[in-house]
Every structure is written in structure tokens, then in C-alpha cells.
N, C-alpha and C. Protein backbone atom coordinates (compact mmCIF):
# COMPACT_ATOMS: atom_id res chain seq x y z
N UNK A 1 -7.72 12.73 2.71
CA UNK A 1 -6.06 12.52 2.42
C UNK A 1 -6.50 11.80 1.51
N UNK A 2 -6.41 11.45 -0.05
CA UNK A 2 -7.22 11.54 -1.32
C UNK A 2 -5.38 10.34 -1.22
N UNK A 3 -5.19 9.47 -2.41
CA UNK A 3 -4.40 8.93 -2.33
C UNK A 3 -4.98 8.03 -4.26
N UNK A 4 -3.50 8.19 -5.34
CA UNK A 4 -4.00 7.63 -5.87
C UNK A 4 -3.21 6.32 -6.06
N UNK A 5 -2.75 5.05 -7.07
CA UNK A 5 -2.19 4.65 -7.40
C UNK A 5 -1.01 4.63 -7.75
N UNK A 6 -0.61 5.72 -8.80
CA UNK A 6 0.77 6.08 -8.82
C UNK A 6 1.63 7.15 -7.48
N UNK A 7 0.22 7.80 -6.94
CA UNK A 7 1.62 8.06 -5.65
C UNK A 7 2.09 6.84 -4.99
N UNK A 8 0.47 6.27 -4.33
CA UNK A 8 1.53 5.31 -3.46
C UNK A 8 2.65 4.08 -3.62
N UNK A 9 2.70 3.91 -5.13
CA UNK A 9 3.95 3.56 -5.65
C UNK A 9 5.21 4.01 -5.31
N UNK A 10 5.71 5.32 -5.59
CA UNK A 10 6.25 5.97 -5.06
C UNK A 10 7.12 5.88 -3.99
N UNK A 11 6.61 5.16 -3.08
CA UNK A 11 6.50 4.79 -1.66
C UNK A 11 6.52 6.13 -0.66
N UNK A 12 7.71 6.00 0.33
CA UNK A 12 7.69 7.36 1.06
C UNK A 12 8.36 6.70 2.34
N UNK A 13 9.20 7.76 3.31
CA UNK A 13 9.88 7.42 4.88
C UNK A 13 9.62 6.45 4.93
N UNK A 14 8.01 6.81 4.93
CA UNK A 14 7.31 5.60 6.12
C UNK A 14 6.70 4.15 5.80
N UNK A 15 7.11 4.20 4.58
CA UNK A 15 7.02 2.74 3.56
C UNK A 15 8.11 2.72 2.55
N UNK A 16 7.63 1.20 2.13
CA UNK A 16 8.68 0.56 1.07
C UNK A 16 7.65 0.08 -0.14
N UNK A 17 7.97 -0.12 -0.87
CA UNK A 17 7.39 -0.96 -2.18
C UNK A 17 7.95 -1.97 -2.54
N UNK A 18 7.43 -3.36 -2.45
CA UNK A 18 8.04 -4.47 -3.33
C UNK A 18 7.08 -4.60 -4.37
N UNK A 19 7.97 -5.46 -4.98
CA UNK A 19 6.74 -5.78 -6.63
C UNK A 19 6.44 -6.99 -5.86
N UNK A 20 5.20 -7.54 -6.41
CA UNK A 20 4.73 -8.57 -6.10
C UNK A 20 3.84 -8.89 -7.60
N UNK A 21 3.79 -10.37 -7.51
CA UNK A 21 2.60 -11.44 -8.90
C UNK A 21 1.50 -10.38 -8.01
N UNK A 22 1.44 -10.00 -9.61
CA UNK A 22 -0.31 -9.73 -9.41
C UNK A 22 -0.49 -8.37 -9.25
N UNK A 23 0.75 -7.97 -8.59
CA UNK A 23 0.70 -6.20 -7.95
C UNK A 23 1.30 -5.91 -6.72
N UNK A 24 1.00 -5.10 -6.07
CA UNK A 24 2.94 -4.51 -5.18
C UNK A 24 2.78 -5.28 -3.67
N UNK A 25 3.45 -4.87 -3.20
CA UNK A 25 3.60 -4.87 -1.42
C UNK A 25 3.88 -3.77 -0.68
N UNK A 26 3.20 -3.01 -0.57
CA UNK A 26 3.20 -1.87 0.72
C UNK A 26 3.67 -1.89 2.46
N UNK A 27 4.82 -2.35 2.59
CA UNK A 27 5.23 -2.66 4.45
C UNK A 27 6.64 -1.42 4.98
N UNK A 28 5.23 -1.50 5.87
CA UNK A 28 5.78 -0.49 7.23
C UNK A 28 7.69 0.01 7.18
N UNK A 29 8.25 0.84 7.46
CA UNK A 29 9.28 1.03 7.81
C UNK A 29 9.05 0.73 9.23
N UNK A 30 10.12 0.29 10.29
CA UNK A 30 10.65 0.43 11.72
C UNK A 30 9.97 1.76 12.01
N UNK A 31 9.61 2.59 12.70
CA UNK A 31 9.52 3.15 13.75
C UNK A 31 8.78 4.14 13.12
N UNK A 32 7.88 3.85 11.62
CA UNK A 32 7.17 4.90 10.98
C UNK A 32 5.46 4.24 11.50
N UNK A 33 5.69 3.49 12.17
CA UNK A 33 4.17 2.49 11.82
C UNK A 33 2.96 3.86 11.97
N UNK A 34 3.18 4.61 12.62
CA UNK A 34 1.90 5.66 12.91
C UNK A 34 1.48 6.30 11.61
N UNK A 35 2.38 6.74 11.16
CA UNK A 35 2.80 7.46 9.35
C UNK A 35 1.70 6.48 8.51
N UNK A 36 2.04 4.54 8.71
CA UNK A 36 2.02 3.69 7.30
C UNK A 36 0.04 3.99 8.04
N UNK A 37 -0.12 3.58 9.06
CA UNK A 37 -1.48 3.30 9.39
C UNK A 37 -2.36 4.41 8.85
N UNK A 38 -2.19 5.63 8.10
CA UNK A 38 -2.25 6.65 8.07
C UNK A 38 -2.72 6.39 6.33
N UNK A 39 -1.32 6.25 5.91
CA UNK A 39 -1.53 6.03 5.45
C UNK A 39 -1.95 4.02 3.95
N UNK A 40 -2.47 3.09 5.13
CA UNK A 40 -3.24 2.77 5.01
C UNK A 40 -4.57 2.36 4.98
N UNK A 41 -4.55 3.66 5.62
CA UNK A 41 -6.42 3.73 5.95
C UNK A 41 -6.96 4.38 4.61
N UNK A 42 -5.75 5.54 4.12
CA UNK A 42 -6.07 6.04 3.05
C UNK A 42 -6.47 5.35 1.73
N UNK A 43 -5.61 4.92 1.51
CA UNK A 43 -6.02 3.38 0.73
C UNK A 43 -6.85 2.51 0.46
N UNK A 44 -7.09 2.06 1.35
CA UNK A 44 -8.17 1.60 1.67
C UNK A 44 -9.27 2.09 1.28
N UNK A 45 -9.48 3.69 1.64
CA UNK A 45 -10.55 4.34 2.13
C UNK A 45 -10.71 4.82 0.13
N UNK A 46 -9.22 4.83 -0.37
CA UNK A 46 -9.14 5.17 -1.72
C UNK A 46 -9.98 4.13 -2.95
N UNK A 47 -9.74 2.69 -1.94
CA UNK A 47 -9.99 1.77 -3.51
C UNK A 47 -10.72 1.60 -3.60
N UNK A 48 -11.45 0.62 -4.97
CA UNK A 48 -12.40 0.87 -6.23
C UNK A 48 -11.88 0.85 -7.07
N UNK A 49 -11.75 1.66 -8.03
CA UNK A 49 -11.61 1.73 -9.12
C UNK A 49 -10.50 1.22 -9.98
N UNK A 50 -9.43 2.74 -9.16
CA UNK A 50 -8.12 2.24 -10.11
C UNK A 50 -7.33 1.23 -9.29
N UNK A 51 -7.55 0.38 -7.76
CA UNK A 51 -6.62 -0.59 -7.06
C UNK A 51 -7.28 -1.11 -5.93
N UNK A 52 -7.25 -2.41 -5.72
CA UNK A 52 -7.99 -2.74 -4.65
C UNK A 52 -6.81 -2.80 -3.39
N UNK A 53 -7.33 -3.06 -2.60
CA UNK A 53 -6.23 -3.01 -0.94
C UNK A 53 -6.79 -3.97 -0.57
N UNK A 54 -5.65 -5.28 -0.24
CA UNK A 54 -5.77 -6.01 0.97
C UNK A 54 -4.93 -6.05 1.95
N UNK A 55 -5.43 -5.98 2.90
CA UNK A 55 -4.68 -5.15 4.24
C UNK A 55 -3.68 -6.16 4.55
N UNK A 56 -2.46 -6.86 5.51
CA UNK A 56 -1.63 -7.75 5.68
C UNK A 56 -1.37 -7.72 7.02
N UNK A 57 -1.16 -9.01 8.02
CA UNK A 57 -0.47 -7.93 9.44
C UNK A 57 0.10 -9.68 9.66
N UNK A 58 0.64 -9.77 10.90
CA UNK A 58 1.30 -11.11 11.37
C UNK A 58 0.47 -11.71 12.67
N UNK A 59 -0.39 -10.75 12.58
CA UNK A 59 -0.99 -11.20 14.17
C UNK A 59 -2.28 -11.11 14.49
N UNK A 60 -2.52 -11.03 12.82
CA UNK A 60 -3.98 -10.58 12.60
C UNK A 60 -4.53 -9.35 13.49
N UNK A 61 -4.26 -8.67 14.04
CA UNK A 61 -5.03 -7.54 14.22
C UNK A 61 -4.23 -5.79 13.93
N UNK A 62 -3.13 -6.05 13.89
CA UNK A 62 -2.06 -4.66 13.41
C UNK A 62 -1.18 -5.08 11.79
N UNK A 63 -2.47 -4.15 10.68
CA UNK A 63 -2.19 -4.09 9.26
C UNK A 63 -0.58 -3.83 9.75
N UNK A 64 0.74 -4.19 8.96
CA UNK A 64 2.23 -3.66 8.82
C UNK A 64 2.46 -3.89 7.59
N UNK A 65 1.21 -4.79 6.19
CA UNK A 65 1.76 -4.41 5.25
C UNK A 65 0.25 -4.32 4.35
N UNK A 66 0.36 -4.22 2.84
CA UNK A 66 -1.10 -3.43 2.03
C UNK A 66 -0.14 -4.55 1.24
N UNK A 67 -1.31 -5.54 0.45
CA UNK A 67 -1.27 -5.97 -1.19
C UNK A 67 -2.11 -5.24 -1.66
N UNK A 68 -1.89 -4.22 -2.33
CA UNK A 68 -2.18 -3.65 -3.67
C UNK A 68 -2.89 -3.90 -4.96
N UNK A 69 -3.97 -3.97 -5.75
CA UNK A 69 -4.18 -4.87 -7.12
C UNK A 69 -4.37 -3.96 -7.59
N UNK A 70 -3.38 -3.38 -8.36
CA UNK A 70 -3.76 -2.75 -9.73
C UNK A 70 -5.37 -3.23 -11.12
N UNK A 71 -6.40 -2.65 -10.98
CA UNK A 71 -7.72 -3.09 -11.81
C UNK A 71 -7.00 -2.64 -12.84
N UNK A 72 -7.29 -3.28 -14.13
CA UNK A 72 -7.14 -2.65 -15.47
C UNK A 72 -5.73 -2.20 -16.00
N UNK A 73 -4.55 -3.40 -15.78
CA UNK A 73 -2.85 -2.88 -15.93
C UNK A 73 -2.04 -3.14 -15.29
N UNK A 74 -0.45 -3.21 -15.38
CA UNK A 74 0.28 -3.75 -14.32
C UNK A 74 1.06 -3.21 -13.56
N UNK A 75 1.58 -2.95 -12.52
CA UNK A 75 1.95 -2.14 -12.09
C UNK A 75 3.39 -2.12 -12.24
N UNK A 76 3.15 -0.30 -12.14
CA UNK A 76 4.58 -0.10 -12.46
C UNK A 76 4.82 0.77 -11.24
N UNK A 77 5.90 -0.09 -10.66
CA UNK A 77 7.17 0.10 -9.46
C UNK A 77 7.96 1.70 -9.85
N UNK A 78 8.25 2.09 -9.20
CA UNK A 78 9.08 3.34 -9.28
C UNK A 78 9.60 3.31 -7.98
N UNK A 79 10.06 3.15 -7.36
CA UNK A 79 11.00 2.70 -5.89
C UNK A 79 11.60 1.73 -6.28
């Protein structure tokens, strides 16, 4: 599954998008953790030229948020 920055910024039933300083935060919606994990894995795999990804979690083991940093422009949150 290949993802683009624009696709990630659209949000989905498994996560919401929150505008943050210097990027956006994607966070899992309760009950959709498995689907969010798949999106997180795809985003981390696709990171590089268009955006960077920093996985975040409260316990240090489980990723429940992603900090997405666009490379070369301002994020355009659409949700």
C-alpha cells in the first residue's frame, strides 16, 4: 500500500488529522487501532522525499499517533 501526503491528510475512519506546528498529527480512533497500525506502517514505508514520519505512543511500545512533517511546504489539512 503506497500512500501520499495528500492521502494521509484526508483522514479516514481509522484516524483523525490534527494540525500541529510544523506538521500534522494523525491519531488512531478508538476501536480502529489495527487499521491505524496498517496506515502507520504504510506511512513510515512511504516517508522520504515528500514527508517524514515520527511515530508516537504513550507507553513507548504502541504507536497511537504519527507526527507527519511535510518536506518542502506547508501542510494543507483537508479534514
